[in-house]
Protein backbone atom coordinates (compact mmCIF):
# COMPACT_ATOMS: atom_id res chain seq x y z
CA VAL A 1 82.11 89.74 82.42
CA GLN A 2 84.80 92.52 82.48
CA LEU A 3 87.84 90.93 80.54
CA GLN A 4 91.48 92.52 80.93
CA ALA A 5 94.32 91.44 78.82
CA SER A 6 98.11 91.17 79.61
CA GLY A 7 100.97 90.29 78.75
CA GLU A 8 101.96 93.21 76.29
CA GLY A 9 105.54 92.27 74.45
CA LEU A 10 108.12 92.98 72.41
CA VAL A 11 110.28 89.62 71.44
CA GLN A 12 112.40 88.79 69.09
CA ALA A 13 111.33 87.03 65.79
CA GLY A 14 111.67 82.97 66.76
CA GLY A 15 111.38 84.11 70.35
CA SER A 16 107.48 83.04 72.82
CA LEU A 17 105.62 85.29 74.49
CA ARG A 18 102.34 84.33 76.60
CA ILE A 19 99.33 86.77 77.25
CA SER A 20 96.95 86.57 79.90
CA CYS A 21 93.16 87.79 80.01
CA ALA A 22 91.74 88.41 83.44
CA ALA A 23 87.29 88.13 83.94
CA SER A 24 86.08 89.77 86.62
CA GLY A 25 82.49 90.62 87.27
CA ARG A 26 81.20 87.16 87.04
CA THR A 27 82.53 83.50 86.49
CA PHE A 28 83.00 82.57 83.08
CA VAL A 29 83.21 78.69 83.09
CA THR A 30 80.49 77.81 81.41
CA TYR A 31 81.38 80.04 77.97
CA ALA A 32 83.38 79.74 75.10
CA LEU A 33 86.41 81.90 74.68
CA GLY A 34 88.85 83.16 71.92
CA TRP A 35 91.25 85.20 70.90
CA PHE A 36 91.91 87.36 68.05
CA ARG A 37 94.57 90.20 66.62
CA GLN A 38 94.75 93.10 64.70
CA ALA A 39 97.67 94.08 63.01
CA PRO A 40 98.30 97.58 61.86
CA GLY A 41 96.23 98.73 58.97
CA LYS A 42 94.44 95.08 58.70
CA GLU A 43 90.71 93.73 60.05
CA ARG A 44 90.52 91.77 63.25
CA GLU A 45 90.79 88.42 62.73
CA PHE A 46 90.36 85.55 64.44
CA VAL A 47 93.19 83.66 66.08
CA ALA A 48 92.10 81.19 68.67
CA THR A 49 88.81 79.64 70.25
CA LEU A 50 88.37 77.09 73.08
CA SER A 51 85.30 75.55 74.42
CA TRP A 52 83.74 76.22 78.04
CA ASN A 53 85.38 72.51 78.78
CA GLY A 54 88.91 72.66 77.30
CA ARG A 55 87.86 69.65 74.78
CA ILE A 56 87.20 71.76 71.73
CA THR A 57 90.28 74.03 69.80
CA SER A 58 90.24 75.55 66.81
CA TYR A 59 92.82 77.89 65.18
CA ALA A 60 93.84 80.37 62.44
CA ASP A 61 95.81 77.99 59.96
CA SER A 62 98.80 80.90 59.61
CA VAL A 63 99.28 80.47 64.08
CA LYS A 64 98.59 76.26 64.23
CA GLY A 65 100.93 74.44 65.63
CA ARG A 66 102.55 77.71 67.62
CA PHE A 67 100.08 78.83 69.17
CA THR A 68 97.88 77.49 72.33
CA ILE A 69 95.27 78.60 73.84
CA GLN A 70 94.33 77.35 77.21
CA ARG A 71 92.12 78.45 79.85
CA ASP A 72 92.03 77.98 84.16
CA ASN A 73 88.46 78.32 84.98
CA ASP A 74 89.77 78.17 89.27
CA LYS A 75 91.58 81.26 88.39
CA ASN A 76 89.09 82.74 85.45
CA THR A 77 91.73 83.37 83.45
CA MET A 78 92.85 82.36 79.86
CA TYR A 79 96.22 82.41 78.25
CA LEU A 80 97.89 82.37 74.74
CA GLN A 81 101.14 81.04 74.32
CA MET A 82 102.80 81.92 71.47
CA ASN A 83 106.45 80.19 70.31
CA THR A 84 108.40 80.40 67.02
CA LEU A 85 106.59 84.26 66.73
CA LYS A 86 107.07 85.73 63.50
CA PRO A 87 106.89 89.76 62.66
CA GLU A 88 103.79 89.08 60.58
CA ASP A 89 102.01 87.99 64.33
CA THR A 90 102.66 91.86 65.05
CA ALA A 91 99.55 92.74 66.22
CA ILE A 92 97.04 94.07 69.21
CA TYR A 93 95.72 90.43 70.34
CA TYR A 94 91.63 90.99 71.80
CA CYS A 95 90.55 87.96 74.63
CA ALA A 96 86.60 87.55 73.89
CA ALA A 97 84.04 85.04 76.19
CA SER A 98 81.27 83.64 73.80
CA ARG A 99 77.80 83.42 75.82
CA GLY A 100 77.80 79.81 74.84
CA ALA A 101 79.60 76.63 75.41
CA VAL A 102 81.12 76.40 72.49
CA ALA A 103 81.75 79.27 69.40
CA GLY A 104 83.57 79.52 66.39
CA THR A 105 85.55 82.00 64.34
CA GLY A 106 83.48 84.97 63.83
CA GLN A 107 83.09 87.95 65.64
CA SER A 108 79.77 88.21 66.16
CA GLU A 109 79.93 85.15 68.12
CA TYR A 110 81.30 86.98 71.00
CA TYR A 111 79.50 88.48 73.52
CA TYR A 112 82.49 90.44 76.06
CA TRP A 113 85.68 91.28 74.59
CA GLY A 114 89.01 93.02 76.61
CA GLN A 115 90.79 96.21 75.41
CA GLY A 116 93.96 94.63 73.94
CA THR A 117 97.29 93.93 74.52
CA GLN A 118 99.76 94.64 72.22
CA VAL A 119 102.32 92.02 70.58
CA THR A 120 105.40 92.94 68.85
CA VAL A 121 107.70 90.93 66.66
CA SER A 122 111.21 92.56 65.44
CA SER A 123 112.93 90.65 62.52
């Protein structure tokens, strides 16, 4: 599975942005999906995960209530809807897919990774 993230953007604090990640090579319909991010000078961290059937989600405390992870299996695409953005959300966002149906917050649980897309939130 190859993952291609898109939707790079610069938004003002309080604004919204949706980033996408398209899969190719094979379907990811049976895989759990996740988003991670890496801010300048910091390690990559977990943002959100979604089970294969969309019924189980988990979010980092820092984004809970503001971000929503979604998937469209027909389009082999995943999304991260980000609302009420804050300057501290500025980071490179990476999409990832696990070969299991459910995955957690650990990066080692994810086998396929996208190249990352930049999100910048100005104050």
